[in-house]
Amino acid sequence: MKNLNILTNESSSKYLTIEEIRDRKPELYGTISGDLATEYSGYIGDAISDAADNAVDIYNEDLEQYYYDHETECTEALQEFCYSLENFPSLTEAILQAARVGEFLTYEQEAYDELENICIVHAINYIVENKLEITEEQLDEILERVADEIDSDSTFKDIDSIVDEVADNELDVAE
């Protein structure tokens, strides 16, 4: 793979600049989505669960506020939690546990809802970090393949492999 020359205008005009590549990044809105695109490796589904778990509030006051702000989701989690217990805890502990579960499930669902965009941001970050020279057609192919081939059972390395494969194919054709 060739490195992208970002300091001069000497690079071929057929390749996209770093800014043109960055402009293709979608906005991420989920609470944990940005971290998933940049801070995690391994299996994507495992990373989503880990990031959601790490985002759950640890302070009771924050959990109580979360519960009252998201009462419907937490009430459903509370019912599931209480049905699974032999000994019913105090109402306060049950509410806090429901808030923990509800918060976790909310963050996890946000990430799954944004999975395609998280994967696209990861691919673009990989291109930029590795200063890869790619054309607009290659970038389109990368983003299309990521959207079609990557799911929560894939790894972030699978995304990197798609980028490398498409970038290497252009080199093979040019040689």
Protein backbone atom coordinates (compact mmCIF):
# COMPACT_ATOMS: atom_id res chain seq x y z
CA MET A 1 0.00 0.00 0.00
CA LYS A 2 1.16 3.51 -0.77
CA ASN A 3 1.22 6.23 1.85
CA LEU A 4 -0.86 9.32 1.16
CA ASN A 5 1.27 12.43 0.74
CA ILE A 6 -0.62 15.00 2.80
CA LEU A 7 2.10 17.67 3.01
CA THR A 8 2.31 18.58 -0.68
CA ASN A 9 0.06 18.68 -3.68
CA GLU A 10 2.35 16.29 -5.55
CA SER A 11 0.11 13.27 -5.13
CA SER A 12 -1.93 12.17 -8.11
CA SER A 13 -5.28 13.93 -8.39
CA LYS A 14 -7.03 10.58 -8.74
CA TYR A 15 -6.49 9.84 -5.05
CA LEU A 16 -8.66 11.37 -2.36
CA THR A 17 -7.12 13.72 0.18
CA ILE A 18 -7.29 13.02 3.90
CA GLU A 19 -9.95 15.73 4.24
CA GLU A 20 -12.05 14.23 1.45
CA ILE A 21 -11.87 10.87 3.19
CA ARG A 22 -12.73 12.35 6.60
CA ASP A 23 -15.70 14.18 5.05
CA ARG A 24 -17.26 10.78 4.30
CA LYS A 25 -17.52 9.90 8.02
CA PRO A 26 -21.12 9.68 9.21
CA GLU A 27 -22.12 11.38 12.45
CA LEU A 28 -22.44 9.03 15.42
CA TYR A 29 -25.19 9.81 17.90
CA GLY A 30 -25.25 6.90 20.35
CA THR A 31 -23.78 7.29 23.81
CA ILE A 32 -21.08 4.66 23.21
CA SER A 33 -20.83 4.72 19.41
CA GLY A 34 -17.80 6.99 19.14
CA ASP A 35 -15.80 4.88 21.55
CA LEU A 36 -16.72 1.71 19.67
CA ALA A 37 -15.41 3.12 16.40
CA THR A 38 -12.06 4.13 17.91
CA GLU A 39 -11.27 2.35 21.17
CA TYR A 40 -12.25 -1.29 20.73
CA SER A 41 -10.92 -4.31 18.89
CA GLY A 42 -11.97 -7.94 18.68
CA TYR A 43 -15.52 -9.09 18.02
CA ILE A 44 -17.91 -6.21 17.40
CA GLY A 45 -20.81 -7.76 19.38
CA ASP A 46 -18.54 -8.32 22.39
CA ALA A 47 -17.23 -4.75 22.10
CA ILE A 48 -20.80 -3.40 22.09
CA SER A 49 -21.68 -5.29 25.28
CA ASP A 50 -18.43 -4.27 26.96
CA ALA A 51 -18.84 -0.60 26.03
CA ALA A 52 -22.48 -0.61 27.19
CA ASP A 53 -21.48 -2.22 30.49
CA ASN A 54 -18.69 0.32 31.00
CA ALA A 55 -21.09 3.21 30.34
CA VAL A 56 -23.59 2.22 33.06
CA ASP A 57 -23.59 4.68 35.95
CA ILE A 58 -22.07 3.44 39.19
CA TYR A 59 -23.52 6.05 41.53
CA ASN A 60 -26.98 5.45 42.98
CA GLU A 61 -28.10 9.06 42.49
CA ASP A 62 -27.26 8.87 38.77
CA LEU A 63 -29.03 5.52 38.47
CA GLU A 64 -32.13 6.88 40.19
CA GLN A 65 -32.18 9.83 37.79
CA TYR A 66 -31.71 7.50 34.83
CA TYR A 67 -34.60 5.35 36.08
CA TYR A 68 -36.95 8.31 36.33
CA ASP A 69 -35.85 9.66 32.92
CA HIS A 70 -36.38 6.24 31.26
CA GLU A 71 -39.12 4.77 33.40
CA THR A 72 -40.76 2.63 30.69
CA GLU A 73 -37.57 0.80 29.70
CA CYS A 74 -36.50 0.40 33.31
CA THR A 75 -39.90 -0.86 34.46
CA GLU A 76 -39.71 -3.65 31.89
CA ALA A 77 -36.19 -4.49 33.07
CA LEU A 78 -37.41 -4.36 36.70
CA GLN A 79 -40.20 -6.85 35.98
CA GLU A 80 -37.76 -9.25 34.31
CA PHE A 81 -35.30 -8.83 37.17
CA CYS A 82 -37.90 -9.45 39.89
CA TYR A 83 -39.30 -12.55 38.16
CA SER A 84 -35.81 -14.05 38.12
CA LEU A 85 -35.26 -13.68 41.88
CA GLU A 86 -36.22 -16.10 44.57
CA ASN A 87 -35.87 -13.48 47.28
CA PHE A 88 -37.24 -10.08 46.35
CA PRO A 89 -34.72 -7.35 47.30
CA SER A 90 -35.68 -4.03 48.79
CA LEU A 91 -37.64 -1.80 46.47
CA THR A 92 -34.75 0.66 46.30
CA GLU A 93 -32.28 -2.04 45.27
CA ALA A 94 -34.73 -3.41 42.74
CA ILE A 95 -35.16 0.05 41.20
CA LEU A 96 -31.40 0.60 41.08
CA GLN A 97 -30.83 -2.80 39.49
CA ALA A 98 -33.58 -2.10 36.97
CA ALA A 99 -31.92 1.21 36.15
CA ARG A 100 -28.57 -0.56 35.63
CA VAL A 101 -30.14 -3.12 33.33
CA GLY A 102 -32.23 -0.52 31.52
CA GLU A 103 -29.24 1.76 31.01
CA PHE A 104 -27.13 -1.14 29.72
CA LEU A 105 -29.86 -2.26 27.30
CA THR A 106 -30.40 1.30 26.06
CA TYR A 107 -26.70 1.84 25.32
CA GLU A 108 -26.42 -1.56 23.71
CA GLN A 109 -29.45 -0.93 21.47
CA GLU A 110 -28.14 2.51 20.46
CA ALA A 111 -24.91 0.88 19.32
CA TYR A 112 -26.68 -1.87 17.37
CA ASP A 113 -28.87 0.77 15.73
CA GLU A 114 -25.71 2.58 14.60
CA LEU A 115 -23.64 -0.50 13.82
CA GLU A 116 -23.18 0.26 10.13
CA ASN A 117 -22.04 3.83 10.84
CA ILE A 118 -19.71 2.67 13.62
CA CYS A 119 -18.08 0.25 11.18
CA ILE A 120 -17.80 2.92 8.48
CA VAL A 121 -16.15 5.34 10.93
CA HIS A 122 -13.72 2.59 11.94
CA ALA A 123 -12.86 1.94 8.26
CA ILE A 124 -12.30 5.63 7.55
CA ASN A 125 -10.19 6.01 10.70
CA TYR A 126 -8.09 3.02 9.58
CA ILE A 127 -7.55 4.61 6.15
CA VAL A 128 -6.55 7.95 7.66
CA GLU A 129 -4.33 6.50 10.40
CA ASN A 130 -2.47 4.35 7.88
CA LYS A 131 -2.31 7.17 5.30
CA LEU A 132 -3.59 4.90 2.56
CA GLU A 133 -3.97 6.22 -0.96
CA ILE A 134 -7.40 5.32 -2.25
CA THR A 135 -9.64 6.58 -5.00
CA GLU A 136 -13.24 7.62 -4.61
CA GLU A 137 -14.28 4.38 -6.30
CA GLN A 138 -12.23 2.38 -3.80
CA LEU A 139 -13.72 4.27 -0.87
CA ASP A 140 -17.21 3.62 -2.22
CA GLU A 141 -16.37 -0.08 -2.57
CA ILE A 142 -14.95 -0.22 0.96
CA LEU A 143 -18.00 1.44 2.49
CA GLU A 144 -20.38 -0.75 0.49
CA ARG A 145 -18.56 -3.93 1.47
CA VAL A 146 -18.40 -2.90 5.13
CA ALA A 147 -22.16 -2.26 5.08
CA ASP A 148 -22.87 -5.58 3.33
CA GLU A 149 -20.34 -7.93 4.93
CA ILE A 150 -19.79 -6.75 8.51
CA ASP A 151 -22.14 -7.53 11.37
CA SER A 152 -21.90 -7.91 15.13
CA ASP A 153 -20.27 -11.34 14.74
CA SER A 154 -17.42 -9.79 12.74
CA THR A 155 -14.24 -8.32 14.18
CA PHE A 156 -12.82 -4.86 13.73
CA LYS A 157 -9.88 -6.61 12.05
CA ASP A 158 -12.35 -7.87 9.41
CA ILE A 159 -13.05 -4.23 8.55
CA ASP A 160 -9.30 -3.53 8.32
CA SER A 161 -8.92 -6.53 6.02
CA ILE A 162 -11.60 -5.21 3.65
CA VAL A 163 -9.82 -1.84 3.49
CA ASP A 164 -6.45 -3.49 2.89
CA GLU A 165 -7.87 -5.81 0.23
CA VAL A 166 -9.52 -3.01 -1.73
CA ALA A 167 -6.47 -0.74 -1.41
CA ASP A 168 -4.14 -3.58 -2.48
CA ASN A 169 -6.34 -4.45 -5.48
CA GLU A 170 -5.73 -0.99 -6.97
CA LEU A 171 -1.99 -1.55 -6.64
CA ASP A 172 -2.22 -4.94 -8.31
CA VAL A 173 -4.18 -3.49 -11.24
CA ALA A 174 -1.75 -0.56 -11.65
CA GLU A 175 1.37 -2.77 -11.73
